[in-house]
Amino acid sequence: MHFFDFILLREDEQLEMLWYNGEQIGRRKQNEFLILLYQVEGFYVEVYYNTKYREIEKYLSFECTDKLEPYIRDIDLSIVYKCLKKRTKNLAGNFSNEILQNTIDGNNVSKKFWERLKRIFSKEVKHG
């Protein structure tokens, strides 16, 4: 379903579509509202739940990803960064070990040269 088809639906049809096809991907608080963000196919719907009165007050649907900024700025990427950094370090070690082994086995290049290159490469990964 396209965004414009969705906004032409009656409110009860929109809710049904949101319930069966929506995926909650974010939440945030704003004053007395808990705002839940759903992705429905290629667009987004914010559900404004009034925590004081315990009722949904409004829905806001949109396609523009610029409106996702309040959700994106609260995402903690430190875990992702640590995993990428660890993976890069492991890949570098595996890559340089493989180069060293293949070169020593297949060529007459000095082992000392490749060991030195491996240390330089490992330092760049750790500090870069």
N, C-alpha and C. Protein backbone atom coordinates (compact mmCIF):
# COMPACT_ATOMS: atom_id res chain seq x y z
N MET A 1 0.85 -1.18 0.00
CA MET A 1 0.00 0.00 0.00
C MET A 1 0.89 1.24 0.00
N HIS A 2 0.51 2.20 -0.78
CA HIS A 2 1.25 3.46 -0.84
C HIS A 2 0.72 4.43 0.21
N PHE A 3 1.55 5.40 0.54
CA PHE A 3 1.23 6.40 1.56
C PHE A 3 -0.10 7.10 1.27
N PHE A 4 -0.29 7.53 0.04
CA PHE A 4 -1.50 8.28 -0.29
C PHE A 4 -2.75 7.40 -0.22
N ASP A 5 -2.62 6.12 -0.50
CA ASP A 5 -3.74 5.19 -0.32
C ASP A 5 -4.10 5.07 1.16
N PHE A 6 -3.08 5.07 1.99
CA PHE A 6 -3.28 4.95 3.44
C PHE A 6 -4.04 6.15 3.99
N ILE A 7 -3.62 7.35 3.61
CA ILE A 7 -4.27 8.54 4.19
C ILE A 7 -5.70 8.72 3.68
N LEU A 8 -6.06 8.06 2.59
CA LEU A 8 -7.44 8.12 2.10
C LEU A 8 -8.37 7.14 2.82
N LEU A 9 -7.78 6.22 3.59
CA LEU A 9 -8.61 5.26 4.34
C LEU A 9 -9.32 5.95 5.50
N ARG A 10 -10.41 5.35 5.93
CA ARG A 10 -11.08 5.82 7.14
C ARG A 10 -10.17 5.54 8.33
N GLU A 11 -10.40 6.22 9.45
CA GLU A 11 -9.54 6.06 10.61
C GLU A 11 -9.51 4.61 11.11
N ASP A 12 -10.65 3.94 11.14
CA ASP A 12 -10.68 2.55 11.60
C ASP A 12 -9.90 1.63 10.65
N GLU A 13 -9.92 1.93 9.35
CA GLU A 13 -9.15 1.15 8.38
C GLU A 13 -7.64 1.41 8.54
N GLN A 14 -7.31 2.66 8.83
CA GLN A 14 -5.91 2.99 9.07
C GLN A 14 -5.39 2.25 10.31
N LEU A 15 -6.21 2.21 11.36
CA LEU A 15 -5.81 1.50 12.57
C LEU A 15 -5.62 0.01 12.32
N GLU A 16 -6.51 -0.56 11.53
CA GLU A 16 -6.40 -1.97 11.19
C GLU A 16 -5.11 -2.23 10.40
N MET A 17 -4.84 -1.36 9.46
CA MET A 17 -3.62 -1.47 8.65
C MET A 17 -2.38 -1.36 9.55
N LEU A 18 -2.42 -0.42 10.47
CA LEU A 18 -1.32 -0.21 11.40
C LEU A 18 -1.14 -1.44 12.30
N TRP A 19 -2.23 -1.98 12.79
CA TRP A 19 -2.20 -3.14 13.68
C TRP A 19 -1.62 -4.38 13.00
N TYR A 20 -2.06 -4.66 11.78
CA TYR A 20 -1.65 -5.88 11.09
C TYR A 20 -0.38 -5.76 10.26
N ASN A 21 -0.09 -4.56 9.77
CA ASN A 21 1.06 -4.40 8.87
C ASN A 21 2.15 -3.48 9.42
N GLY A 22 1.90 -2.86 10.55
CA GLY A 22 2.88 -1.93 11.11
C GLY A 22 3.88 -2.62 12.01
N GLU A 23 5.07 -2.07 12.03
CA GLU A 23 6.15 -2.57 12.89
C GLU A 23 6.63 -1.40 13.74
N GLN A 24 6.49 -1.53 15.07
CA GLN A 24 6.96 -0.44 15.93
C GLN A 24 8.48 -0.39 15.87
N ILE A 25 8.99 0.78 15.51
CA ILE A 25 10.44 0.92 15.35
C ILE A 25 11.03 2.00 16.25
N GLY A 26 10.19 2.71 17.00
CA GLY A 26 10.72 3.75 17.87
C GLY A 26 9.69 4.25 18.85
N ARG A 27 10.19 4.96 19.86
CA ARG A 27 9.32 5.60 20.84
C ARG A 27 10.07 6.77 21.45
N ARG A 28 9.31 7.75 21.86
CA ARG A 28 9.89 8.91 22.53
C ARG A 28 8.83 9.57 23.37
N LYS A 29 9.26 10.42 24.28
CA LYS A 29 8.33 11.16 25.13
C LYS A 29 8.40 12.63 24.76
N GLN A 30 7.24 13.26 24.79
CA GLN A 30 7.15 14.69 24.53
C GLN A 30 6.02 15.22 25.39
N ASN A 31 6.37 16.00 26.40
CA ASN A 31 5.40 16.51 27.37
C ASN A 31 4.59 15.35 27.95
N GLU A 32 3.27 15.38 27.83
CA GLU A 32 2.45 14.32 28.40
C GLU A 32 2.20 13.17 27.42
N PHE A 33 2.89 13.19 26.28
CA PHE A 33 2.66 12.16 25.26
C PHE A 33 3.78 11.13 25.21
N LEU A 34 3.38 9.90 25.02
CA LEU A 34 4.28 8.84 24.60
C LEU A 34 3.99 8.68 23.12
N ILE A 35 5.00 8.91 22.29
CA ILE A 35 4.81 8.85 20.85
C ILE A 35 5.47 7.58 20.33
N LEU A 36 4.66 6.72 19.74
CA LEU A 36 5.13 5.46 19.20
C LEU A 36 5.28 5.59 17.69
N LEU A 37 6.40 5.18 17.16
CA LEU A 37 6.67 5.27 15.73
C LEU A 37 6.52 3.89 15.10
N TYR A 38 5.71 3.81 14.07
CA TYR A 38 5.50 2.58 13.34
C TYR A 38 5.93 2.78 11.89
N GLN A 39 6.47 1.71 11.31
CA GLN A 39 6.73 1.70 9.88
C GLN A 39 5.70 0.78 9.25
N VAL A 40 5.01 1.31 8.27
CA VAL A 40 4.01 0.53 7.53
C VAL A 40 4.43 0.58 6.07
N GLU A 41 4.97 -0.53 5.61
CA GLU A 41 5.49 -0.61 4.25
C GLU A 41 6.47 0.54 4.01
N GLY A 42 6.20 1.48 3.11
CA GLY A 42 7.17 2.52 2.79
C GLY A 42 6.94 3.85 3.47
N PHE A 43 6.15 3.90 4.53
CA PHE A 43 5.89 5.17 5.21
C PHE A 43 5.83 4.94 6.72
N TYR A 44 5.62 6.02 7.47
CA TYR A 44 5.68 5.97 8.92
C TYR A 44 4.40 6.56 9.53
N VAL A 45 4.08 6.08 10.72
CA VAL A 45 2.93 6.59 11.46
C VAL A 45 3.35 6.80 12.90
N GLU A 46 3.11 8.00 13.42
CA GLU A 46 3.32 8.28 14.83
C GLU A 46 1.98 8.22 15.53
N VAL A 47 1.95 7.51 16.65
CA VAL A 47 0.75 7.41 17.46
C VAL A 47 1.02 8.19 18.75
N TYR A 48 0.20 9.22 18.99
CA TYR A 48 0.35 10.08 20.16
C TYR A 48 -0.56 9.59 21.27
N TYR A 49 0.04 8.97 22.27
CA TYR A 49 -0.69 8.43 23.40
C TYR A 49 -0.53 9.38 24.59
N ASN A 50 -1.67 9.92 25.08
CA ASN A 50 -1.66 10.82 26.22
C ASN A 50 -1.57 9.99 27.49
N THR A 51 -0.43 10.09 28.19
CA THR A 51 -0.22 9.27 29.38
C THR A 51 -1.07 9.73 30.56
N LYS A 52 -1.45 10.99 30.57
CA LYS A 52 -2.28 11.50 31.67
C LYS A 52 -3.70 10.96 31.56
N TYR A 53 -4.27 11.01 30.37
CA TYR A 53 -5.66 10.57 30.17
C TYR A 53 -5.75 9.12 29.67
N ARG A 54 -4.60 8.51 29.40
CA ARG A 54 -4.54 7.13 28.95
C ARG A 54 -5.39 6.87 27.71
N GLU A 55 -5.14 7.71 26.71
CA GLU A 55 -5.86 7.53 25.44
C GLU A 55 -5.02 8.04 24.28
N ILE A 56 -5.31 7.50 23.12
CA ILE A 56 -4.64 7.96 21.91
C ILE A 56 -5.34 9.23 21.46
N GLU A 57 -4.55 10.28 21.27
CA GLU A 57 -5.14 11.55 20.87
C GLU A 57 -5.06 11.82 19.39
N LYS A 58 -3.97 11.36 18.76
CA LYS A 58 -3.87 11.61 17.32
C LYS A 58 -2.87 10.68 16.68
N TYR A 59 -2.94 10.65 15.36
CA TYR A 59 -2.02 9.89 14.52
C TYR A 59 -1.42 10.87 13.52
N LEU A 60 -0.17 10.69 13.23
CA LEU A 60 0.48 11.52 12.23
C LEU A 60 1.23 10.59 11.29
N SER A 61 0.85 10.58 10.03
CA SER A 61 1.51 9.72 9.06
C SER A 61 2.34 10.57 8.11
N PHE A 62 3.49 10.01 7.69
CA PHE A 62 4.40 10.75 6.82
C PHE A 62 5.32 9.80 6.07
N GLU A 63 5.88 10.30 4.98
CA GLU A 63 6.86 9.55 4.18
C GLU A 63 8.27 10.08 4.38
N CYS A 64 8.37 11.35 4.66
CA CYS A 64 9.66 12.04 4.70
C CYS A 64 10.52 11.53 5.86
N THR A 65 11.70 11.04 5.55
CA THR A 65 12.58 10.52 6.59
C THR A 65 13.19 11.61 7.46
N ASP A 66 13.08 12.87 7.04
CA ASP A 66 13.57 13.98 7.86
C ASP A 66 12.86 14.01 9.22
N LYS A 67 11.64 13.54 9.26
CA LYS A 67 10.86 13.56 10.49
C LYS A 67 11.27 12.45 11.46
N LEU A 68 12.21 11.61 11.06
CA LEU A 68 12.72 10.55 11.93
C LEU A 68 13.84 11.04 12.85
N GLU A 69 14.29 12.26 12.64
CA GLU A 69 15.42 12.80 13.38
C GLU A 69 15.27 12.68 14.89
N PRO A 70 14.11 12.97 15.49
CA PRO A 70 14.01 12.84 16.96
C PRO A 70 14.28 11.41 17.46
N TYR A 71 14.03 10.43 16.63
CA TYR A 71 14.27 9.04 17.02
C TYR A 71 15.73 8.66 16.80
N ILE A 72 16.30 9.14 15.71
CA ILE A 72 17.66 8.77 15.34
C ILE A 72 18.68 9.33 16.32
N ARG A 73 18.48 10.54 16.79
CA ARG A 73 19.48 11.15 17.67
C ARG A 73 19.57 10.43 19.02
N ASP A 74 18.57 9.66 19.40
CA ASP A 74 18.59 8.94 20.67
C ASP A 74 19.13 7.52 20.56
N ILE A 75 19.51 7.09 19.36
CA ILE A 75 20.02 5.74 19.18
C ILE A 75 21.47 5.67 19.65
N ASP A 76 21.76 4.73 20.53
CA ASP A 76 23.10 4.53 21.04
C ASP A 76 23.84 3.56 20.11
N LEU A 77 24.82 4.07 19.40
CA LEU A 77 25.57 3.26 18.44
C LEU A 77 26.88 2.73 19.00
N SER A 78 27.13 2.92 20.29
CA SER A 78 28.41 2.50 20.85
C SER A 78 28.62 0.99 20.74
N ILE A 79 27.58 0.19 20.90
CA ILE A 79 27.71 -1.25 20.78
C ILE A 79 28.07 -1.64 19.35
N VAL A 80 27.42 -0.99 18.39
CA VAL A 80 27.71 -1.27 16.98
C VAL A 80 29.16 -0.90 16.67
N TYR A 81 29.59 0.25 17.18
CA TYR A 81 30.96 0.70 16.96
C TYR A 81 31.97 -0.31 17.52
N LYS A 82 31.71 -0.78 18.75
CA LYS A 82 32.62 -1.76 19.37
C LYS A 82 32.69 -3.04 18.54
N CYS A 83 31.54 -3.51 18.06
CA CYS A 83 31.53 -4.73 17.25
C CYS A 83 32.28 -4.54 15.95
N LEU A 84 32.08 -3.40 15.30
CA LEU A 84 32.79 -3.13 14.04
C LEU A 84 34.28 -3.01 14.27
N LYS A 85 34.65 -2.35 15.35
CA LYS A 85 36.06 -2.17 15.65
C LYS A 85 36.72 -3.53 15.92
N LYS A 86 36.04 -4.37 16.70
CA LYS A 86 36.57 -5.71 17.01
C LYS A 86 36.66 -6.55 15.73
N ARG A 87 35.63 -6.47 14.91
CA ARG A 87 35.62 -7.25 13.68
C ARG A 87 36.73 -6.80 12.73
N THR A 88 36.92 -5.48 12.63
CA THR A 88 37.97 -4.94 11.77
C THR A 88 39.34 -5.42 12.24
N LYS A 89 39.53 -5.41 13.56
CA LYS A 89 40.81 -5.86 14.12
C LYS A 89 41.03 -7.34 13.79
N ASN A 90 40.00 -8.15 13.99
CA ASN A 90 40.12 -9.59 13.68
C ASN A 90 40.35 -9.83 12.20
N LEU A 91 39.64 -9.08 11.36
CA LEU A 91 39.83 -9.24 9.92
C LEU A 91 41.24 -8.85 9.50
N ALA A 92 41.74 -7.77 10.10
CA ALA A 92 43.10 -7.33 9.77
C ALA A 92 44.10 -8.40 10.14
N GLY A 93 43.95 -8.98 11.34
CA GLY A 93 44.86 -10.04 11.77
C GLY A 93 44.78 -11.24 10.85
N ASN A 94 43.58 -11.67 10.51
CA ASN A 94 43.41 -12.82 9.63
C ASN A 94 43.98 -12.54 8.25
N PHE A 95 43.70 -11.33 7.75
CA PHE A 95 44.17 -10.95 6.42
C PHE A 95 45.70 -10.94 6.36
N SER A 96 46.31 -10.30 7.36
CA SER A 96 47.77 -10.20 7.34
C SER A 96 48.42 -11.56 7.56
N ASN A 97 47.83 -12.42 8.40
CA ASN A 97 48.36 -13.78 8.59
C ASN A 97 48.29 -14.57 7.29
N GLU A 98 47.18 -14.41 6.58
CA GLU A 98 47.00 -15.14 5.31
C GLU A 98 48.02 -14.67 4.28
N ILE A 99 48.22 -13.36 4.20
CA ILE A 99 49.21 -12.82 3.26
C ILE A 99 50.59 -13.35 3.60
N LEU A 100 50.91 -13.30 4.90
CA LEU A 100 52.22 -13.76 5.33
C LEU A 100 52.44 -15.22 4.96
N GLN A 101 51.47 -16.07 5.26
CA GLN A 101 51.61 -17.50 5.00
C GLN A 101 51.71 -17.79 3.51
N ASN A 102 50.82 -17.17 2.72
CA ASN A 102 50.83 -17.41 1.27
C ASN A 102 52.11 -16.92 0.63
N THR A 103 52.61 -15.80 1.11
CA THR A 103 53.82 -15.24 0.52
C THR A 103 55.04 -16.07 0.86
N ILE A 104 55.15 -16.50 2.10
CA ILE A 104 56.30 -17.31 2.50
C ILE A 104 56.29 -18.64 1.76
N ASP A 105 55.09 -19.25 1.65
CA ASP A 105 54.99 -20.54 0.98
C ASP A 105 55.24 -20.43 -0.52
N GLY A 106 54.76 -19.33 -1.13
CA GLY A 106 54.77 -19.27 -2.58
C GLY A 106 55.85 -18.42 -3.20
N ASN A 107 56.53 -17.58 -2.43
CA ASN A 107 57.50 -16.66 -3.00
C ASN A 107 58.81 -16.68 -2.22
N ASN A 108 59.78 -15.99 -2.75
CA ASN A 108 61.08 -15.89 -2.08
C ASN A 108 61.22 -14.56 -1.34
N VAL A 109 60.10 -13.95 -0.96
CA VAL A 109 60.14 -12.67 -0.26
C VAL A 109 60.52 -12.95 1.20
N SER A 110 61.27 -12.06 1.77
CA SER A 110 61.77 -12.24 3.12
C SER A 110 60.66 -12.29 4.17
N LYS A 111 60.77 -13.25 5.05
CA LYS A 111 59.80 -13.39 6.15
C LYS A 111 59.85 -12.16 7.04
N LYS A 112 61.04 -11.62 7.26
CA LYS A 112 61.22 -10.44 8.10
C LYS A 112 60.44 -9.24 7.54
N PHE A 113 60.45 -9.06 6.22
CA PHE A 113 59.71 -7.98 5.57
C PHE A 113 58.21 -8.08 5.85
N TRP A 114 57.67 -9.29 5.70
CA TRP A 114 56.23 -9.48 5.89
C TRP A 114 55.83 -9.35 7.35
N GLU A 115 56.68 -9.79 8.26
CA GLU A 115 56.42 -9.62 9.69
C GLU A 115 56.34 -8.13 10.03
N ARG A 116 57.27 -7.36 9.46
CA ARG A 116 57.29 -5.91 9.70
C ARG A 116 56.03 -5.26 9.15
N LEU A 117 55.64 -5.65 7.94
CA LEU A 117 54.42 -5.13 7.31
C LEU A 117 53.19 -5.47 8.16
N LYS A 118 53.16 -6.68 8.69
CA LYS A 118 52.05 -7.11 9.54
C LYS A 118 51.95 -6.23 10.78
N ARG A 119 53.08 -5.92 11.43
CA ARG A 119 53.07 -5.06 12.62
C ARG A 119 52.56 -3.67 12.29
N ILE A 120 53.02 -3.11 11.18
CA ILE A 120 52.57 -1.77 10.76
C ILE A 120 51.06 -1.78 10.52
N PHE A 121 50.58 -2.77 9.80
CA PHE A 121 49.16 -2.88 9.49
C PHE A 121 48.34 -3.01 10.77
N SER A 122 48.79 -3.81 11.71
CA SER A 122 48.08 -4.02 12.97
C SER A 122 48.02 -2.73 13.78
N LYS A 123 49.10 -1.95 13.78
CA LYS A 123 49.12 -0.67 14.52
C LYS A 123 48.12 0.30 13.92
N GLU A 124 48.05 0.37 12.59
CA GLU A 124 47.11 1.27 11.93
C GLU A 124 45.68 0.91 12.28
N VAL A 125 45.35 -0.34 12.35
CA VAL A 125 44.00 -0.77 12.68
C VAL A 125 43.67 -0.43 14.12
N LYS A 126 44.63 -0.65 15.04
CA LYS A 126 44.39 -0.37 16.47
C LYS A 126 44.24 1.12 16.72
N HIS A 127 45.04 1.94 16.09
CA HIS A 127 45.02 3.38 16.37
C HIS A 127 44.21 4.19 15.38
N GLY A 128 43.85 3.63 14.25
CA GLY A 128 43.15 4.34 13.19
C GLY A 128 41.72 4.26 13.38
